[in-house]
């Protein structure tokens, strides 16, 4: 069976990291978090945020290496643009993997804002975006099918189960 690339995207503070990390624990898949990669680049170089595509390109190349060796991958990132979504898809398909794209949303604006203003991103030195930065962020509408998971309607465990079920039912 070919490996699987699950790309978990969505605006900051929707619950992407929580879901992706739990999914990695349940499945044993490798977990790539673009925020962690980008912050490591900032710590190790003269570069500063925003890095543009750098973190995405590194994560996609690492994911492709893992997938080519048969290791399934969960990639977590905002994935805000058609070009980033296409690049993830190309990385997975180019490595012979099946690709599942999940968009995590929080349909309750008050809850989304609460999460944004109270969360700990868990990455030393990374300053999370403010609520105004989140709502004003460039985020292109999706133009192809993907799994949409609303964390305002589903508790984390159930949301992870939905993603797991979609991954299991994906054609081999």
C-alpha atoms as a PDB file:
ATOM      1  CA  UNK A   1       0.000   0.000   0.000  1.00  0.00           C
ATOM      2  CA  UNK A   2       1.302   3.453  -0.858  1.00  0.00           C
ATOM      3  CA  UNK A   3       2.037   5.936   1.936  1.00  0.00           C
ATOM      4  CA  UNK A   4      -0.390   8.687   2.807  1.00  0.00           C
ATOM      5  CA  UNK A   5       0.129  12.443   3.029  1.00  0.00           C
ATOM      6  CA  UNK A   6      -2.500  14.161   5.161  1.00  0.00           C
ATOM      7  CA  UNK A   7      -2.288  17.943   4.825  1.00  0.00           C
ATOM      8  CA  UNK A   8      -4.059  19.688   7.710  1.00  0.00           C
ATOM      9  CA  UNK A   9      -4.617  23.367   6.932  1.00  0.00           C
ATOM     10  CA  UNK A  10      -6.716  26.310   8.045  1.00  0.00           C
ATOM     11  CA  UNK A  11      -6.462  29.685   9.696  1.00  0.00           C
ATOM     12  CA  UNK A  12      -4.443  30.055  12.902  1.00  0.00           C
ATOM     13  CA  UNK A  13      -6.282  29.113  16.126  1.00  0.00           C
ATOM     14  CA  UNK A  14      -8.781  26.772  14.480  1.00  0.00           C
ATOM     15  CA  UNK A  15      -7.255  23.729  16.189  1.00  0.00           C
ATOM     16  CA  UNK A  16      -5.007  22.419  13.406  1.00  0.00           C
ATOM     17  CA  UNK A  17      -2.023  21.632  15.599  1.00  0.00           C
ATOM     18  CA  UNK A  18      -4.131  19.937  18.264  1.00  0.00           C
ATOM     19  CA  UNK A  19      -5.792  17.708  15.679  1.00  0.00           C
ATOM     20  CA  UNK A  20      -2.650  16.974  13.652  1.00  0.00           C
ATOM     21  CA  UNK A  21      -0.603  16.088  16.744  1.00  0.00           C
ATOM     22  CA  UNK A  22      -3.327  13.776  18.071  1.00  0.00           C
ATOM     23  CA  UNK A  23      -3.700  12.196  14.643  1.00  0.00           C
ATOM     24  CA  UNK A  24       0.061  11.568  14.558  1.00  0.00           C
ATOM     25  CA  UNK A  25      -0.116   9.930  17.995  1.00  0.00           C
ATOM     26  CA  UNK A  26      -2.982   7.683  16.914  1.00  0.00           C
ATOM     27  CA  UNK A  27      -1.507   6.676  13.548  1.00  0.00           C
ATOM     28  CA  UNK A  28       2.239   6.741  14.145  1.00  0.00           C
ATOM     29  CA  UNK A  29       2.662   8.904  11.027  1.00  0.00           C
ATOM     30  CA  UNK A  30       5.475  11.441  10.879  1.00  0.00           C
ATOM     31  CA  UNK A  31       4.300  14.925  11.920  1.00  0.00           C
ATOM     32  CA  UNK A  32       5.638  18.037  10.173  1.00  0.00           C
ATOM     33  CA  UNK A  33       4.584  21.396  11.586  1.00  0.00           C
ATOM     34  CA  UNK A  34       5.526  24.299   9.331  1.00  0.00           C
ATOM     35  CA  UNK A  35       5.560  26.757  12.272  1.00  0.00           C
ATOM     36  CA  UNK A  36       8.238  24.639  13.986  1.00  0.00           C
ATOM     37  CA  UNK A  37      10.317  24.471  10.814  1.00  0.00           C
ATOM     38  CA  UNK A  38      10.027  28.213  10.217  1.00  0.00           C
ATOM     39  CA  UNK A  39      10.975  29.086  13.790  1.00  0.00           C
ATOM     40  CA  UNK A  40      13.995  26.760  13.600  1.00  0.00           C
ATOM     41  CA  UNK A  41      15.097  28.567  10.433  1.00  0.00           C
ATOM     42  CA  UNK A  42      14.732  31.927  12.209  1.00  0.00           C
ATOM     43  CA  UNK A  43      16.785  30.679  15.191  1.00  0.00           C
ATOM     44  CA  UNK A  44      19.532  29.233  12.999  1.00  0.00           C
ATOM     45  CA  UNK A  45      19.909  31.985  10.432  1.00  0.00           C
ATOM     46  CA  UNK A  46      19.793  35.734   9.867  1.00  0.00           C
ATOM     47  CA  UNK A  47      16.299  35.354   8.393  1.00  0.00           C
ATOM     48  CA  UNK A  48      13.242  36.731  10.188  1.00  0.00           C
ATOM     49  CA  UNK A  49       9.497  36.239   9.936  1.00  0.00           C
ATOM     50  CA  UNK A  50       7.718  36.370   7.598  1.00  0.00           C
ATOM     51  CA  UNK A  51       9.755  33.836   5.661  1.00  0.00           C
ATOM     52  CA  UNK A  52       7.492  33.566   2.633  1.00  0.00           C
ATOM     53  CA  UNK A  53       7.563  30.086   1.111  1.00  0.00           C
ATOM     54  CA  UNK A  54      10.768  28.902   2.835  1.00  0.00           C
ATOM     55  CA  UNK A  55       9.143  26.820   5.586  1.00  0.00           C
ATOM     56  CA  UNK A  56       6.655  25.292   3.177  1.00  0.00           C
ATOM     57  CA  UNK A  57       9.350  24.307   0.668  1.00  0.00           C
ATOM     58  CA  UNK A  58      11.472  22.691   3.399  1.00  0.00           C
ATOM     59  CA  UNK A  59       8.463  20.827   4.819  1.00  0.00           C
ATOM     60  CA  UNK A  60       7.322  19.654   1.383  1.00  0.00           C
ATOM     61  CA  UNK A  61      10.786  18.348   0.516  1.00  0.00           C
ATOM     62  CA  UNK A  62      11.118  16.539   3.860  1.00  0.00           C
ATOM     63  CA  UNK A  63       7.617  15.107   3.426  1.00  0.00           C
ATOM     64  CA  UNK A  64       8.498  13.863  -0.066  1.00  0.00           C
ATOM     65  CA  UNK A  65      11.659  12.171   1.261  1.00  0.00           C
ATOM     66  CA  UNK A  66       9.667  10.440   4.002  1.00  0.00           C
ATOM     67  CA  UNK A  67       6.896   9.401   1.623  1.00  0.00           C
ATOM     68  CA  UNK A  68       9.392   7.934  -0.866  1.00  0.00           C
ATOM     69  CA  UNK A  69      10.690   5.673   1.913  1.00  0.00           C
ATOM     70  CA  UNK A  70       7.154   4.510   2.695  1.00  0.00           C
ATOM     71  CA  UNK A  71       6.586   6.686   5.772  1.00  0.00           C
ATOM     72  CA  UNK A  72       3.165   8.342   5.902  1.00  0.00           C
ATOM     73  CA  UNK A  73       3.136  12.025   6.857  1.00  0.00           C
ATOM     74  CA  UNK A  74       0.821  14.519   8.516  1.00  0.00           C
ATOM     75  CA  UNK A  75       1.715  18.070   7.478  1.00  0.00           C
ATOM     76  CA  UNK A  76       0.211  20.951   9.468  1.00  0.00           C
ATOM     77  CA  UNK A  77       0.239  24.511   8.161  1.00  0.00           C
ATOM     78  CA  UNK A  78      -2.127  27.370   7.332  1.00  0.00           C
ATOM     79  CA  UNK A  79      -1.972  26.422   3.638  1.00  0.00           C
ATOM     80  CA  UNK A  80      -3.694  29.677   2.649  1.00  0.00           C
ATOM     81  CA  UNK A  81      -3.119  29.821  -1.092  1.00  0.00           C
ATOM     82  CA  UNK A  82      -3.903  27.673  -4.106  1.00  0.00           C
ATOM     83  CA  UNK A  83      -0.171  27.619  -4.888  1.00  0.00           C
ATOM     84  CA  UNK A  84       0.691  26.162  -1.442  1.00  0.00           C
ATOM     85  CA  UNK A  85      -2.109  23.596  -1.727  1.00  0.00           C
ATOM     86  CA  UNK A  86      -0.956  22.611  -5.201  1.00  0.00           C
ATOM     87  CA  UNK A  87       2.643  22.302  -3.975  1.00  0.00           C
ATOM     88  CA  UNK A  88       1.636  19.934  -1.156  1.00  0.00           C
ATOM     89  CA  UNK A  89      -0.406  17.851  -3.572  1.00  0.00           C
ATOM     90  CA  UNK A  90       2.488  17.733  -6.053  1.00  0.00           C
ATOM     91  CA  UNK A  91       4.951  16.736  -3.310  1.00  0.00           C
ATOM     92  CA  UNK A  92       2.743  13.859  -2.218  1.00  0.00           C
ATOM     93  CA  UNK A  93       1.752  12.597  -5.650  1.00  0.00           C
ATOM     94  CA  UNK A  94       5.316  13.014  -6.928  1.00  0.00           C
ATOM     95  CA  UNK A  95       6.500  10.742  -4.117  1.00  0.00           C
ATOM     96  CA  UNK A  96       3.900   8.112  -4.999  1.00  0.00           C
ATOM     97  CA  UNK A  97       1.652   8.864  -2.025  1.00  0.00           C
ATOM     98  CA  UNK A  98      -2.067   9.186  -1.641  1.00  0.00           C
ATOM     99  CA  UNK A  99      -3.021  12.731  -0.582  1.00  0.00           C
ATOM    100  CA  UNK A 100      -5.837  13.742   1.778  1.00  0.00           C
ATOM    101  CA  UNK A 101      -6.416  17.470   2.231  1.00  0.00           C
ATOM    102  CA  UNK A 102      -8.262  18.644   5.346  1.00  0.00           C
ATOM    103  CA  UNK A 103      -9.308  22.216   6.025  1.00  0.00           C
ATOM    104  CA  UNK A 104      -9.882  22.941   9.703  1.00  0.00           C
ATOM    105  CA  UNK A 105     -12.344  25.750  10.410  1.00  0.00           C
ATOM    106  CA  UNK A 106     -13.906  27.256  13.521  1.00  0.00           C
ATOM    107  CA  UNK A 107     -17.337  28.533  12.489  1.00  0.00           C
ATOM    108  CA  UNK A 108     -17.964  30.326  15.799  1.00  0.00           C
ATOM    109  CA  UNK A 109     -16.147  33.694  15.560  1.00  0.00           C
ATOM    110  CA  UNK A 110     -16.292  34.300  19.326  1.00  0.00           C
ATOM    111  CA  UNK A 111     -14.747  30.898  20.059  1.00  0.00           C
ATOM    112  CA  UNK A 112     -12.158  31.358  17.329  1.00  0.00           C
ATOM    113  CA  UNK A 113     -11.179  34.723  18.785  1.00  0.00           C
ATOM    114  CA  UNK A 114     -11.017  33.281  22.325  1.00  0.00           C
ATOM    115  CA  UNK A 115      -8.655  30.566  21.121  1.00  0.00           C
ATOM    116  CA  UNK A 116      -6.492  33.077  19.265  1.00  0.00           C
ATOM    117  CA  UNK A 117      -6.177  35.304  22.320  1.00  0.00           C
ATOM    118  CA  UNK A 118      -5.522  32.573  24.907  1.00  0.00           C
ATOM    119  CA  UNK A 119      -3.490  29.877  23.181  1.00  0.00           C
ATOM    120  CA  UNK A 120       0.093  28.854  23.769  1.00  0.00           C
ATOM    121  CA  UNK A 121       1.679  27.907  20.445  1.00  0.00           C
ATOM    122  CA  UNK A 122       4.291  25.777  22.199  1.00  0.00           C
ATOM    123  CA  UNK A 123       7.204  26.967  20.061  1.00  0.00           C
ATOM    124  CA  UNK A 124       9.832  29.017  21.914  1.00  0.00           C
ATOM    125  CA  UNK A 125      10.250  32.452  20.370  1.00  0.00           C
ATOM    126  CA  UNK A 126       7.270  32.213  18.028  1.00  0.00           C
ATOM    127  CA  UNK A 127       4.855  35.107  18.464  1.00  0.00           C
ATOM    128  CA  UNK A 128       1.380  33.986  17.402  1.00  0.00           C
ATOM    129  CA  UNK A 129      -0.715  36.222  15.165  1.00  0.00           C
ATOM    130  CA  UNK A 130      -3.195  38.573  16.791  1.00  0.00           C
ATOM    131  CA  UNK A 131      -6.916  38.257  16.178  1.00  0.00           C
ATOM    132  CA  UNK A 132      -6.902  41.171  13.683  1.00  0.00           C
ATOM    133  CA  UNK A 133      -3.966  39.552  11.855  1.00  0.00           C
ATOM    134  CA  UNK A 134      -5.889  36.278  11.640  1.00  0.00           C
ATOM    135  CA  UNK A 135      -9.124  37.767  10.294  1.00  0.00           C
ATOM    136  CA  UNK A 136      -7.274  40.013   7.825  1.00  0.00           C
ATOM    137  CA  UNK A 137      -4.904  37.300   6.600  1.00  0.00           C
ATOM    138  CA  UNK A 138      -4.835  36.406   2.925  1.00  0.00           C
ATOM    139  CA  UNK A 139      -6.699  33.108   2.635  1.00  0.00           C
ATOM    140  CA  UNK A 140      -7.911  32.029  -0.790  1.00  0.00           C
ATOM    141  CA  UNK A 141     -11.110  30.012  -1.143  1.00  0.00           C
ATOM    142  CA  UNK A 142     -10.621  26.346  -1.972  1.00  0.00           C
ATOM    143  CA  UNK A 143     -11.405  25.356  -5.555  1.00  0.00           C
ATOM    144  CA  UNK A 144     -11.276  21.569  -5.168  1.00  0.00           C
ATOM    145  CA  UNK A 145     -12.763  18.984  -2.868  1.00  0.00           C
ATOM    146  CA  UNK A 146     -11.280  18.570   0.573  1.00  0.00           C
ATOM    147  CA  UNK A 147     -12.396  17.342   3.972  1.00  0.00           C
ATOM    148  CA  UNK A 148     -13.746  20.251   6.046  1.00  0.00           C
ATOM    149  CA  UNK A 149     -13.691  19.783   9.829  1.00  0.00           C
ATOM    150  CA  UNK A 150     -15.412  22.389  12.010  1.00  0.00           C
ATOM    151  CA  UNK A 151     -13.865  22.473  15.476  1.00  0.00           C
ATOM    152  CA  UNK A 152     -16.671  24.694  16.769  1.00  0.00           C
ATOM    153  CA  UNK A 153     -19.031  21.756  16.224  1.00  0.00           C
ATOM    154  CA  UNK A 154     -16.834  18.762  17.034  1.00  0.00           C
ATOM    155  CA  UNK A 155     -14.659  18.117  20.075  1.00  0.00           C
ATOM    156  CA  UNK A 156     -11.032  17.373  19.230  1.00  0.00           C
ATOM    157  CA  UNK A 157     -11.309  13.599  19.630  1.00  0.00           C
ATOM    158  CA  UNK A 158     -14.281  13.384  17.294  1.00  0.00           C
ATOM    159  CA  UNK A 159     -12.632  15.712  14.779  1.00  0.00           C
ATOM    160  CA  UNK A 160      -9.532  13.498  14.717  1.00  0.00           C
ATOM    161  CA  UNK A 161     -11.755  10.443  14.213  1.00  0.00           C
ATOM    162  CA  UNK A 162     -13.359  12.134  11.185  1.00  0.00           C
ATOM    163  CA  UNK A 163      -9.932  12.742   9.626  1.00  0.00           C
ATOM    164  CA  UNK A 164      -8.836   9.176  10.450  1.00  0.00           C
ATOM    165  CA  UNK A 165     -11.963   7.744   8.835  1.00  0.00           C
ATOM    166  CA  UNK A 166     -11.429   9.827   5.700  1.00  0.00           C
ATOM    167  CA  UNK A 167      -7.817   8.652   5.495  1.00  0.00           C
ATOM    168  CA  UNK A 168      -8.826   4.997   5.963  1.00  0.00           C
ATOM    169  CA  UNK A 169     -11.474   5.222   3.245  1.00  0.00           C
ATOM    170  CA  UNK A 170      -9.122   6.895   0.767  1.00  0.00           C
ATOM    171  CA  UNK A 171      -8.482   4.679  -2.281  1.00  0.00           C
ATOM    172  CA  UNK A 172      -5.375   2.554  -2.019  1.00  0.00           C
END
